[in-house]
Amino acid sequence: MDLEEEEALENLILLPYEAFFSRPLACLPVPAVTVDGTLSAADGEADDGVDRISALPDDLRRRIFSRLPVKDAVRTTALSTRWRRVWHTTPLVLYDKHLDPARVTAVDRVLVGHPGPFDTVHLALFFFDEHERELGRWSRLLADRGVRDLALVSLPGPTDLVRLPADILRCAELEHLYLGCWMFPETADLPDGTGVFPHLRKLAMVCTLFKDRDLDHMLASSPVLEILALFGSMGKAKHVRLRGHKLQCVLFLESTAFELAVVDAPRLERLIMWETSAPPDGDGSPMDVKITEGASALKVLGYLEMGAHKLQIGNSVIKAGTNVSPRSMVPSVNISALKVNLGVFKEIQMLVNFLRCFPNIETLHVESARADEPTGNNYIEFFEELRPIECVQSHIKMVVLHEIYGDLSEVTFIKYMTQRANELKKMTLVLSDKRTTVGEMIYVVKTLAIPPLASETCMVLLTAPKAEHGLNFHRASELSIEDPFLEHGQELFRFIKEGE
C-alpha cells in the first residue's frame, strides 16, 4: 500500500464503522430470483403422481432454474441424469445469501462444479481478508467462465481494505459490475487487452478506493456504459472526469473530489450528487462542478450545494453577482435540486444565479441547510427588487422544499416563489425532523395564502419528514423514475387556491 492509499484509507475509515459496514449491503442490486417458489411435481390441486416438471422441455426448465435460489437448483441434480444435465447447461445464477451458513465451501463447490457460463454471481457476505486464497481462485473462475452480472462485497475489517484481484479485470463479458469495500487493482501496467469491457452497461463502486487513472481506464474501456455510481469514494479520486458516448446517468454520493467534470458525455441525462465536497486535504476551496457546452441531453441535475460547490458552465464560472449569458446556460435541464442556506445572504445570491443558468426548470427541489450564525436580514428587500428569472416566471410547475424549519428566510423565499411563479401548480413543504410544531407550520402555510398567488391554481402541501434522510441509491439510478429527488413523508396539511 503506497502513501496515497494509506491517507485515502484513513479518510475513509473516519466514517462510523456501522455506516461504512452497511452502505455496500444496503445498495446491493435486488436479487432476480424468488425465494418463495418451489419445484413441485403436483399441480397444486390434487397429487395424481404425475411429474409434470420433468415433462417440460429442457429450455423451459432452464428458465425456471435461473429464477430459483442456487441451493434449490443444485438439488435437482440428484433426481436423475437428465436433471443433472439441465442444471449444468443452465447459465449459473448464484447469490451467496441463499446458501447455508457454511458459505465458503458451498460457493467453492458451485463455482468449481458448474462449467459455465456464469450469468449472475453475487458474493456479499464474506470477510475476504480471511479468504484471499478462495478470492483469487474464484476471480479466475469468474473471468474464465464469462460472468455477466457480478457483485462483490468484501466485509471490511476495522482498519484495512482488501485489494481486488486483477483477474476481475479479465471479465470481458461483464454487463453489470458492483463493487463494495475494495481497493481497486492497479491499472497503470495492465497487459494488452486486460480491463476491456465491451458489454459493461452499469458500474457501481461503493466504499471502494480508486485513483483517477483507474476510473479513466474503466470509462475509456467501457464504450456502452450507461450508468456509473460512485458512493463513499474518498481520498484517492481527485478529479472525476466523465466521458462516454452512451453514458446516461452518474451518481456521485457522499464522495470527495477536487473536480467533477462532464467532459464528453453527449447522452448524459442525469448528474446526481449528494453530500459531496472537495477532499479535506485541499486548501478549503469548494469542489468544482464543470458542465461542458456539449451536455445537451442533461435533464436532471442536483444536489448543487451553494456552500460546497463552484459551478462552471463552459468557460464561465458562476458566482454571486455573475452576469449569466446564454453561453453559460443549460436549457435542457428541467429537474434541478439545490442545497442552500437561506439564512446566508451570499448563498441566496448564488441560488438566484444558479437558477438563471437553467431557464427551463419545471421541477425545483431546494433543501434548506442550516447555519450556526445566519448572515443578513434583508431577504424581503432582496426578493422584492430581484429582476425576473426565466424559469421562475415561465416554467416552474412544482417546487419541493426539503428540511424546512419555518424560519423567516425560508418563509420569504416561499412567498417569492408563490407570487412570482406564474405556472406553479404544486408546492410541497417537507418538514425537518427538528422542526417547530406542526401547528406553527400550518399557520405559516395559511399565511402564504394571504397575498395573491401568481398561479391561477396552486396547491400547497405540508408533509412530515422523510422516513430516511438522504438520497435513495436505487431510485436515483433507476432511469424509469422521472424525478429521483421526489420523496417525502405523510401529508399533514393541504391548501388549494383555485382561480376565480
Protein backbone atom coordinates (compact mmCIF):
# COMPACT_ATOMS: atom_id res chain seq x y z
CA MET A 1 0.00 0.00 0.00
CA ASP A 2 1.55 3.34 -1.03
CA LEU A 3 1.38 6.58 0.98
CA GLU A 4 -1.51 7.94 -1.07
CA GLU A 5 -3.53 4.80 -0.42
CA GLU A 6 -2.78 4.93 3.31
CA GLU A 7 -4.02 8.53 3.50
CA ALA A 8 -7.13 7.69 1.49
CA LEU A 9 -7.91 4.76 3.76
CA GLU A 10 -7.51 6.95 6.84
CA ASN A 11 -10.08 9.39 5.42
CA LEU A 12 -12.47 6.58 4.58
CA ILE A 13 -12.41 4.82 7.94
CA LEU A 14 -13.12 8.08 9.77
CA LEU A 15 -16.73 7.27 8.90
CA PRO A 16 -18.70 5.44 11.63
CA TYR A 17 -17.87 1.75 11.26
CA GLU A 18 -21.53 0.71 11.23
CA ALA A 19 -22.30 3.13 8.36
CA PHE A 20 -19.24 2.04 6.41
CA PHE A 21 -20.19 -1.60 7.01
CA SER A 22 -23.84 -1.22 5.97
CA ARG A 23 -23.62 1.01 2.88
CA PRO A 24 -22.46 -1.63 0.37
CA LEU A 25 -25.06 -4.13 1.59
CA ALA A 26 -27.90 -1.60 1.55
CA CYS A 27 -27.14 -0.62 -2.04
CA LEU A 28 -26.78 -4.15 -3.42
CA PRO A 29 -28.86 -4.89 -6.53
CA VAL A 30 -32.13 -6.63 -5.76
CA PRO A 31 -31.87 -10.41 -6.42
CA ALA A 32 -33.54 -11.52 -9.64
CA VAL A 33 -34.65 -14.85 -8.16
CA THR A 34 -37.54 -15.90 -5.96
CA VAL A 35 -37.13 -17.42 -2.51
CA ASP A 36 -40.81 -18.37 -2.33
CA GLY A 37 -41.10 -20.69 -5.33
CA THR A 38 -40.54 -24.43 -5.07
CA LEU A 39 -40.18 -27.24 -7.55
CA SER A 40 -43.28 -29.37 -7.12
CA ALA A 41 -44.41 -32.29 -9.25
CA ALA A 42 -48.03 -31.77 -8.24
CA ASP A 43 -50.33 -29.24 -9.87
CA GLY A 44 -51.48 -27.76 -6.55
CA GLU A 45 -55.00 -29.19 -6.67
CA ALA A 46 -54.54 -32.94 -6.47
CA ASP A 47 -51.41 -35.06 -6.23
CA ASP A 48 -52.06 -37.57 -9.01
CA GLY A 49 -48.42 -38.71 -9.05
CA VAL A 50 -47.67 -37.21 -12.45
CA ASP A 51 -44.27 -35.48 -12.67
CA ARG A 52 -45.24 -32.54 -14.85
CA ILE A 53 -41.99 -30.59 -14.36
CA SER A 54 -39.86 -33.43 -15.71
CA ALA A 55 -42.09 -33.48 -18.79
CA LEU A 56 -41.28 -29.84 -19.60
CA PRO A 57 -38.81 -29.06 -22.40
CA ASP A 58 -35.25 -28.51 -21.21
CA ASP A 59 -35.16 -24.87 -22.32
CA LEU A 60 -38.24 -24.07 -20.21
CA ARG A 61 -36.76 -25.84 -17.19
CA ARG A 62 -33.59 -23.80 -17.61
CA ARG A 63 -35.65 -20.64 -17.38
CA ILE A 64 -37.23 -21.96 -14.17
CA PHE A 65 -33.82 -22.86 -12.71
CA SER A 66 -32.47 -19.38 -13.40
CA ARG A 67 -35.15 -17.94 -11.10
CA LEU A 68 -34.56 -20.31 -8.17
CA PRO A 69 -32.09 -19.93 -5.29
CA VAL A 70 -28.94 -21.85 -6.24
CA LYS A 71 -29.32 -24.39 -3.42
CA ASP A 72 -32.69 -25.48 -4.87
CA ALA A 73 -31.34 -25.61 -8.40
CA VAL A 74 -28.36 -27.74 -7.34
CA ARG A 75 -30.60 -30.22 -5.50
CA THR A 76 -32.27 -31.15 -8.77
CA THR A 77 -29.04 -32.82 -9.96
CA ALA A 78 -29.72 -35.70 -7.54
CA LEU A 79 -33.04 -36.56 -9.22
CA SER A 80 -31.76 -38.10 -12.45
CA THR A 81 -29.14 -37.86 -15.18
CA ARG A 82 -31.44 -35.66 -17.25
CA TRP A 83 -31.97 -33.20 -14.40
CA ARG A 84 -28.20 -33.06 -13.81
CA ARG A 85 -27.67 -32.17 -17.46
CA VAL A 86 -30.24 -29.39 -17.30
CA TRP A 87 -28.57 -27.65 -14.33
CA HIS A 88 -25.10 -27.95 -15.86
CA THR A 89 -26.31 -26.39 -19.10
CA THR A 90 -28.20 -23.54 -17.40
CA PRO A 91 -26.15 -20.34 -17.02
CA LEU A 92 -25.25 -20.09 -13.33
CA VAL A 93 -27.20 -17.74 -11.06
CA LEU A 94 -25.63 -17.56 -7.59
CA TYR A 95 -26.49 -15.32 -4.65
CA ASP A 96 -24.50 -16.31 -1.56
CA LYS A 97 -27.27 -15.06 0.76
CA HIS A 98 -29.35 -18.06 -0.36
CA LEU A 99 -26.78 -20.61 0.80
CA ASP A 100 -26.39 -22.35 4.14
CA PRO A 101 -24.09 -20.85 6.81
CA ALA A 102 -21.05 -22.82 5.55
CA ARG A 103 -20.89 -20.45 2.59
CA VAL A 104 -17.19 -20.67 1.67
CA THR A 105 -17.34 -24.40 0.97
CA ALA A 106 -20.72 -24.14 -0.72
CA VAL A 107 -19.68 -21.28 -3.01
CA ASP A 108 -16.46 -23.07 -3.89
CA ARG A 109 -18.31 -26.25 -4.87
CA VAL A 110 -20.82 -24.37 -7.01
CA LEU A 111 -18.25 -22.24 -8.85
CA VAL A 112 -15.88 -25.13 -9.44
CA GLY A 113 -18.62 -27.63 -10.28
CA HIS A 114 -20.52 -25.53 -12.82
CA PRO A 115 -18.95 -25.48 -16.32
CA GLY A 116 -20.34 -22.05 -17.16
CA PRO A 117 -21.26 -19.69 -18.49
CA PHE A 118 -21.89 -17.66 -15.32
CA ASP A 119 -24.88 -15.37 -15.70
CA THR A 120 -25.11 -13.84 -12.22
CA VAL A 121 -22.77 -14.13 -9.23
CA HIS A 122 -23.31 -12.00 -6.10
CA LEU A 123 -20.86 -12.60 -3.23
CA ALA A 124 -21.55 -10.14 -0.43
CA LEU A 125 -21.23 -11.95 2.89
CA PHE A 126 -17.51 -12.68 3.21
CA PHE A 127 -14.63 -11.18 5.15
CA PHE A 128 -12.32 -11.63 2.20
CA ASP A 129 -9.26 -10.65 4.22
CA GLU A 130 -9.69 -14.11 5.78
CA HIS A 131 -10.29 -15.86 2.43
CA GLU A 132 -7.82 -14.34 -0.01
CA ARG A 133 -6.87 -17.74 -1.43
CA GLU A 134 -10.51 -18.51 -2.30
CA LEU A 135 -10.91 -14.96 -3.63
CA GLY A 136 -8.05 -15.48 -6.07
CA ARG A 137 -9.42 -18.83 -7.30
CA TRP A 138 -12.97 -17.52 -7.65
CA SER A 139 -11.79 -14.44 -9.54
CA ARG A 140 -10.06 -16.61 -12.12
CA LEU A 141 -13.20 -18.76 -12.49
CA LEU A 142 -15.39 -15.69 -12.90
CA ALA A 143 -13.17 -14.41 -15.69
CA ASP A 144 -12.73 -17.76 -17.44
CA ARG A 145 -16.46 -18.58 -17.41
CA GLY A 146 -17.70 -15.25 -18.68
CA VAL A 147 -19.68 -13.81 -15.76
CA ARG A 148 -22.16 -11.18 -16.94
CA ASP A 149 -23.62 -9.76 -13.70
CA LEU A 150 -21.13 -9.58 -10.82
CA ALA A 151 -21.44 -8.11 -7.32
CA LEU A 152 -18.52 -8.43 -4.90
CA VAL A 153 -18.55 -7.01 -1.39
CA SER A 154 -15.65 -7.53 1.00
CA LEU A 155 -16.97 -7.03 4.51
CA PRO A 156 -14.45 -4.61 5.96
CA GLY A 157 -12.06 -5.23 8.80
CA PRO A 158 -11.64 -2.39 11.28
CA THR A 159 -8.52 -0.86 9.69
CA ASP A 160 -7.90 -2.18 6.19
CA LEU A 161 -9.41 -2.99 2.82
CA VAL A 162 -8.58 -5.92 0.58
CA ARG A 163 -7.19 -5.24 -2.89
CA LEU A 164 -9.45 -6.55 -5.62
CA PRO A 165 -7.70 -9.26 -7.67
CA ALA A 166 -6.61 -8.08 -11.12
CA ASP A 167 -8.32 -11.15 -12.61
CA ILE A 168 -11.62 -9.32 -12.20
CA LEU A 169 -10.39 -7.02 -14.96
CA ARG A 170 -10.35 -10.02 -17.30
CA CYS A 171 -14.15 -10.47 -17.03
CA ALA A 172 -14.73 -9.25 -20.57
CA GLU A 173 -18.37 -10.40 -20.72
CA LEU A 174 -19.49 -8.19 -17.82
CA GLU A 175 -22.68 -6.17 -18.25
CA HIS A 176 -23.18 -5.17 -14.60
CA LEU A 177 -20.40 -4.76 -12.03
CA TYR A 178 -20.99 -3.82 -8.39
CA LEU A 179 -18.02 -3.44 -6.02
CA GLY A 180 -18.22 -2.75 -2.28
CA CYS A 181 -15.34 -2.14 0.18
CA TRP A 182 -12.29 -2.80 -2.01
CA MET A 183 -9.05 -1.25 -3.09
CA PHE A 184 -9.23 -1.15 -6.87
CA PRO A 185 -6.44 -3.05 -8.69
CA GLU A 186 -3.68 -1.06 -10.35
CA THR A 187 -4.45 -0.26 -13.98
CA ALA A 188 -1.21 1.52 -14.89
CA ASP A 189 0.66 -1.55 -16.15
CA LEU A 190 -2.15 -3.82 -17.35
CA PRO A 191 -1.23 -6.27 -20.14
CA ASP A 192 -2.74 -5.50 -23.53
CA GLY A 193 -6.39 -6.48 -23.71
CA THR A 194 -6.87 -6.63 -19.93
CA GLY A 195 -9.58 -4.48 -18.44
CA VAL A 196 -11.58 -4.01 -21.63
CA PHE A 197 -15.33 -4.24 -21.11
CA PRO A 198 -17.16 -4.05 -24.44
CA HIS A 199 -20.52 -5.01 -22.89
CA LEU A 200 -20.43 -3.22 -19.49
CA ARG A 201 -23.58 -1.12 -19.06
CA LYS A 202 -23.63 -0.44 -15.30
CA LEU A 203 -20.72 0.13 -12.90
CA ALA A 204 -21.19 0.85 -9.19
CA MET A 205 -18.34 1.29 -6.72
CA VAL A 206 -19.34 1.73 -3.07
CA CYS A 207 -16.74 2.49 -0.37
CA THR A 208 -14.11 1.45 -2.91
CA LEU A 209 -10.82 3.31 -3.20
CA PHE A 210 -9.59 4.06 -6.71
CA LYS A 211 -7.26 6.52 -8.37
CA ASP A 212 -8.04 8.94 -11.17
CA ARG A 213 -6.35 6.73 -13.74
CA ASP A 214 -8.39 3.70 -12.62
CA LEU A 215 -11.68 5.47 -13.27
CA ASP A 216 -10.37 6.97 -16.52
CA HIS A 217 -9.39 3.45 -17.64
CA MET A 218 -12.82 1.99 -16.80
CA LEU A 219 -14.64 4.75 -18.68
CA ALA A 220 -12.34 4.56 -21.69
CA SER A 221 -12.60 0.76 -21.91
CA SER A 222 -16.40 0.58 -21.50
CA PRO A 223 -17.86 2.02 -24.70
CA VAL A 224 -21.51 1.13 -23.91
CA LEU A 225 -21.52 2.15 -20.21
CA GLU A 226 -24.86 3.78 -19.33
CA ILE A 227 -24.88 4.10 -15.53
CA LEU A 228 -21.96 4.98 -13.26
CA ALA A 229 -22.41 5.13 -9.48
CA LEU A 230 -19.67 6.21 -7.06
CA PHE A 231 -20.75 6.12 -3.41
CA GLY A 232 -18.46 6.80 -0.46
CA SER A 233 -15.39 7.43 -2.63
CA MET A 234 -12.90 9.42 -0.59
CA GLY A 235 -9.27 10.31 -0.72
CA LYS A 236 -7.80 8.77 -3.89
CA ALA A 237 -10.01 10.10 -6.69
CA LYS A 238 -9.06 13.76 -7.06
CA HIS A 239 -10.55 14.50 -10.49
CA VAL A 240 -13.65 12.69 -11.71
CA ARG A 241 -13.88 13.32 -15.45
CA LEU A 242 -16.98 11.90 -17.09
CA ARG A 243 -16.61 10.52 -20.59
CA GLY A 244 -18.72 8.08 -22.54
CA HIS A 245 -20.89 8.37 -25.62
CA LYS A 246 -23.53 6.07 -24.08
CA LEU A 247 -23.35 7.42 -20.52
CA GLN A 248 -26.83 8.41 -19.32
CA CYS A 249 -26.72 8.54 -15.51
CA VAL A 250 -23.98 9.37 -13.00
CA LEU A 251 -24.32 9.20 -9.21
CA PHE A 252 -21.63 10.80 -7.05
CA LEU A 253 -22.75 10.31 -3.45
CA GLU A 254 -21.02 11.06 -0.14
CA SER A 255 -17.75 11.39 -2.01
CA THR A 256 -14.92 13.88 -2.35
CA ALA A 257 -13.05 15.24 -5.34
CA PHE A 258 -11.47 18.50 -6.35
CA GLU A 259 -13.35 18.32 -9.63
CA LEU A 260 -16.42 16.60 -11.06
CA ALA A 261 -16.45 17.41 -14.76
CA VAL A 262 -18.71 16.41 -17.63
CA VAL A 263 -16.03 16.26 -20.32
CA ASP A 264 -17.53 14.26 -23.18
CA ALA A 265 -20.91 12.68 -22.41
CA PRO A 266 -23.38 13.80 -25.09
CA ARG A 267 -26.16 11.46 -23.89
CA LEU A 268 -25.87 12.18 -20.16
CA GLU A 269 -29.40 12.73 -18.83
CA ARG A 270 -28.86 12.91 -15.07
CA LEU A 271 -25.99 14.00 -12.87
CA ILE A 272 -26.85 13.38 -9.24
CA MET A 273 -24.71 14.45 -6.30
CA TRP A 274 -25.30 14.10 -2.58
CA GLU A 275 -23.11 15.29 0.31
CA THR A 276 -20.10 15.88 -1.94
CA SER A 277 -17.21 18.25 -1.39
CA ALA A 278 -13.52 18.83 -2.02
CA PRO A 279 -11.13 16.49 -0.15
CA PRO A 280 -10.20 17.53 3.40
CA ASP A 281 -6.51 17.74 2.42
CA GLY A 282 -7.19 20.60 -0.01
CA ASP A 283 -6.94 24.36 0.51
CA GLY A 284 -10.56 24.74 1.60
CA SER A 285 -11.85 25.69 -1.86
CA PRO A 286 -15.21 24.29 -2.98
CA MET A 287 -15.47 21.32 -5.31
CA ASP A 288 -15.56 22.31 -8.98
CA VAL A 289 -18.63 21.10 -10.86
CA LYS A 290 -17.98 21.61 -14.57
CA ILE A 291 -20.51 21.13 -17.35
CA THR A 292 -19.42 21.41 -20.96
CA GLU A 293 -21.44 23.20 -23.58
CA GLY A 294 -21.97 19.83 -25.26
CA ALA A 295 -24.07 18.41 -22.39
CA SER A 296 -27.21 18.96 -24.45
CA ALA A 297 -29.12 15.92 -23.10
CA LEU A 298 -28.79 16.78 -19.38
CA LYS A 299 -32.27 16.82 -17.82
CA VAL A 300 -31.76 16.11 -14.11
CA LEU A 301 -29.10 17.89 -12.05
CA GLY A 302 -28.57 18.07 -8.28
CA TYR A 303 -27.86 18.49 -5.48
CA LEU A 304 -25.77 21.56 -6.25
CA GLU A 305 -24.64 22.99 -2.90
CA MET A 306 -24.15 26.74 -2.67
CA GLY A 307 -21.60 26.38 0.12
CA ALA A 308 -19.65 23.37 -1.17
CA HIS A 309 -19.66 23.61 -4.98
CA LYS A 310 -18.33 26.02 -7.59
CA LEU A 311 -20.34 25.73 -10.80
CA GLN A 312 -18.68 26.21 -14.16
CA ILE A 313 -20.64 26.01 -17.42
CA GLY A 314 -18.44 26.05 -20.50
CA ASN A 315 -15.77 28.63 -19.70
CA SER A 316 -17.95 30.65 -17.31
CA VAL A 317 -17.63 30.32 -13.53
CA ILE A 318 -20.95 31.15 -11.88
CA LYS A 319 -20.52 33.39 -8.85
CA ALA A 320 -22.74 35.64 -6.79
CA GLY A 321 -23.39 38.66 -8.96
CA THR A 322 -22.24 36.97 -12.20
CA ASN A 323 -23.99 38.25 -15.31
CA VAL A 324 -25.31 34.98 -16.73
CA SER A 325 -25.13 34.92 -20.52
CA PRO A 326 -26.76 32.44 -22.95
CA ARG A 327 -23.39 30.65 -23.29
CA SER A 328 -23.45 29.87 -19.57
CA MET A 329 -26.92 28.30 -19.60
CA VAL A 330 -28.01 24.67 -19.84
CA PRO A 331 -31.50 24.85 -21.35
CA SER A 332 -32.05 21.07 -21.36
CA VAL A 333 -32.29 20.77 -17.55
CA ASN A 334 -35.91 20.51 -16.37
CA ILE A 335 -35.44 18.97 -12.89
CA SER A 336 -32.93 20.54 -10.54
CA ALA A 337 -32.08 20.13 -6.85
CA LEU A 338 -30.17 22.70 -4.83
CA LYS A 339 -28.93 22.83 -1.25
CA VAL A 340 -28.80 26.32 0.16
CA ASN A 341 -28.63 28.05 3.49
CA LEU A 342 -31.35 30.63 3.07
CA GLY A 343 -30.07 32.42 6.16
CA VAL A 344 -26.76 33.28 4.44
CA PHE A 345 -27.12 36.18 2.02
CA LYS A 346 -24.25 35.12 -0.26
CA GLU A 347 -25.86 31.72 -0.73
CA ILE A 348 -29.17 33.34 -1.66
CA GLN A 349 -27.33 35.34 -4.33
CA MET A 350 -25.70 32.15 -5.59
CA LEU A 351 -29.09 30.42 -5.65
CA VAL A 352 -30.51 33.14 -7.87
CA ASN A 353 -27.63 32.93 -10.32
CA PHE A 354 -27.79 29.15 -10.44
CA LEU A 355 -31.49 29.40 -11.33
CA ARG A 356 -30.64 31.79 -14.17
CA CYS A 357 -28.33 29.11 -15.63
CA PHE A 358 -31.23 26.67 -16.08
CA PRO A 359 -34.00 28.66 -17.79
CA ASN A 360 -36.33 25.70 -18.44
CA ILE A 361 -36.60 24.11 -14.98
CA GLU A 362 -40.07 22.70 -14.38
CA THR A 363 -39.44 20.96 -11.04
CA LEU A 364 -37.25 22.60 -8.41
CA HIS A 365 -36.07 20.93 -5.21
CA VAL A 366 -34.45 23.09 -2.55
CA GLU A 367 -33.03 21.60 0.62
CA SER A 368 -32.71 24.11 3.42
CA ALA A 369 -29.28 23.90 5.03
CA ARG A 370 -28.63 25.30 8.49
CA ALA A 371 -26.07 27.83 9.71
CA ASP A 372 -24.91 28.40 13.23
CA GLU A 373 -24.79 32.14 12.61
CA PRO A 374 -27.14 33.50 9.89
CA THR A 375 -25.75 36.47 7.97
CA GLY A 376 -28.02 39.21 6.75
CA ASN A 377 -31.67 40.06 7.30
CA ASN A 378 -32.60 41.94 4.13
CA TYR A 379 -34.30 38.95 2.48
CA ILE A 380 -37.55 40.77 1.76
CA GLU A 381 -35.90 43.73 0.04
CA PHE A 382 -33.64 41.45 -2.00
CA PHE A 383 -36.50 39.37 -3.42
CA GLU A 384 -38.73 42.41 -3.99
CA GLU A 385 -36.05 44.11 -6.08
CA LEU A 386 -34.94 40.97 -7.92
CA ARG A 387 -35.17 41.19 -11.68
CA PRO A 388 -37.18 38.40 -13.37
CA ILE A 389 -35.76 34.87 -13.57
CA GLU A 390 -36.85 32.99 -16.69
CA CYS A 391 -37.52 29.58 -15.13
CA VAL A 392 -39.42 31.08 -12.18
CA GLN A 393 -41.64 33.31 -14.30
CA SER A 394 -42.43 30.93 -17.14
CA HIS A 395 -41.61 27.27 -16.47
CA ILE A 396 -41.56 26.07 -12.85
CA LYS A 397 -44.64 23.94 -12.16
CA MET A 398 -43.57 22.22 -8.93
CA VAL A 399 -41.39 23.26 -6.01
CA VAL A 400 -40.36 20.95 -3.17
CA LEU A 401 -38.65 22.45 -0.12
CA HIS A 402 -36.90 19.84 2.00
CA GLU A 403 -35.82 20.05 5.65
CA ILE A 404 -37.63 23.30 6.40
CA TYR A 405 -37.95 24.84 9.84
CA GLY A 406 -40.25 27.78 9.14
CA ASP A 407 -37.56 30.45 9.59
CA LEU A 408 -38.15 33.96 8.25
CA SER A 409 -35.64 33.38 5.45
CA GLU A 410 -37.48 30.23 4.33
CA VAL A 411 -40.92 31.89 4.51
CA THR A 412 -39.61 34.83 2.47
CA PHE A 413 -38.34 32.52 -0.24
CA ILE A 414 -41.61 30.55 -0.27
CA LYS A 415 -43.60 33.75 -0.68
CA TYR A 416 -41.33 34.85 -3.52
CA MET A 417 -41.92 31.58 -5.38
CA THR A 418 -45.71 31.57 -4.90
CA GLN A 419 -46.02 35.21 -6.01
CA ARG A 420 -43.64 35.11 -9.00
CA ALA A 421 -44.03 31.57 -10.43
CA ASN A 422 -46.90 32.03 -12.89
CA GLU A 423 -47.07 28.33 -13.83
CA LEU A 424 -46.72 26.91 -10.29
CA LYS A 425 -49.21 24.09 -9.68
CA LYS A 426 -47.85 22.48 -6.53
CA MET A 427 -45.56 23.43 -3.68
CA THR A 428 -44.59 20.77 -1.13
CA LEU A 429 -43.00 21.74 2.17
CA VAL A 430 -41.20 18.80 3.78
CA LEU A 431 -40.58 19.40 7.47
CA SER A 432 -37.27 18.83 9.17
CA ASP A 433 -37.33 16.30 11.97
CA LYS A 434 -36.07 19.18 14.15
CA ARG A 435 -38.93 21.46 13.14
CA THR A 436 -41.13 23.71 15.18
CA THR A 437 -44.57 22.28 15.99
CA VAL A 438 -46.86 21.13 13.20
CA GLY A 439 -49.43 23.68 14.35
CA GLU A 440 -46.95 26.52 13.89
CA MET A 441 -46.07 25.25 10.42
CA ILE A 442 -49.73 25.04 9.42
CA TYR A 443 -50.07 28.67 10.47
CA VAL A 444 -47.13 29.52 8.20
CA VAL A 445 -48.79 27.72 5.26
CA LYS A 446 -52.06 29.61 5.83
CA THR A 447 -50.27 32.96 5.84
CA LEU A 448 -48.90 32.16 2.39
CA ALA A 449 -52.41 32.31 1.00
CA ILE A 450 -52.98 35.91 2.13
CA PRO A 451 -51.08 37.60 -0.72
CA PRO A 452 -52.41 36.93 -4.23
CA LEU A 453 -50.69 33.88 -5.72
CA ALA A 454 -49.23 34.15 -9.21
CA SER A 455 -50.72 30.89 -10.47
CA GLU A 456 -54.46 30.58 -11.00
CA THR A 457 -54.45 27.17 -9.34
CA CYS A 458 -51.83 26.33 -6.76
CA MET A 459 -51.73 23.55 -4.19
CA VAL A 460 -49.57 23.89 -1.07
CA LEU A 461 -48.82 20.69 0.86
CA LEU A 462 -47.20 20.32 4.26
CA THR A 463 -45.70 16.87 4.82
CA ALA A 464 -43.92 15.04 7.60
CA PRO A 465 -40.16 14.38 7.38
CA LYS A 466 -38.91 11.64 5.11
CA ALA A 467 -38.52 8.23 6.70
CA GLU A 468 -34.82 8.25 5.84
CA HIS A 469 -32.52 11.19 5.38
CA GLY A 470 -30.51 11.27 2.21
CA LEU A 471 -30.89 10.11 -1.36
CA ASN A 472 -32.24 6.67 -2.22
CA PHE A 473 -29.49 4.89 -4.17
CA HIS A 474 -31.83 2.61 -6.11
CA ARG A 475 -34.31 5.36 -7.04
CA ALA A 476 -31.52 7.65 -8.18
CA SER A 477 -30.06 5.06 -10.56
CA GLU A 478 -33.40 3.90 -11.98
CA LEU A 479 -33.85 5.74 -15.27
CA SER A 480 -37.56 4.87 -15.46
CA ILE A 481 -38.18 7.11 -12.40
CA GLU A 482 -38.59 10.60 -13.77
CA ASP A 483 -37.76 12.54 -10.58
CA PRO A 484 -35.24 10.75 -8.29
CA PHE A 485 -35.45 13.53 -5.66
CA LEU A 486 -39.20 13.23 -5.10
CA GLU A 487 -39.55 11.51 -1.73
CA HIS A 488 -41.30 12.88 1.32
CA GLY A 489 -43.32 11.81 4.30
CA GLN A 490 -47.01 11.66 5.17
CA GLU A 491 -49.20 14.59 4.17
CA LEU A 492 -50.14 16.75 7.17
CA PHE A 493 -51.97 19.72 5.66
CA ARG A 494 -53.24 20.77 2.23
CA PHE A 495 -54.21 24.19 0.95
CA ILE A 496 -55.64 24.68 -2.54
CA LYS A 497 -56.20 28.10 -4.08
CA GLU A 498 -58.47 27.99 -7.10
CA GLY A 499 -58.65 30.75 -9.67
CA GLU A 500 -61.75 32.87 -9.89
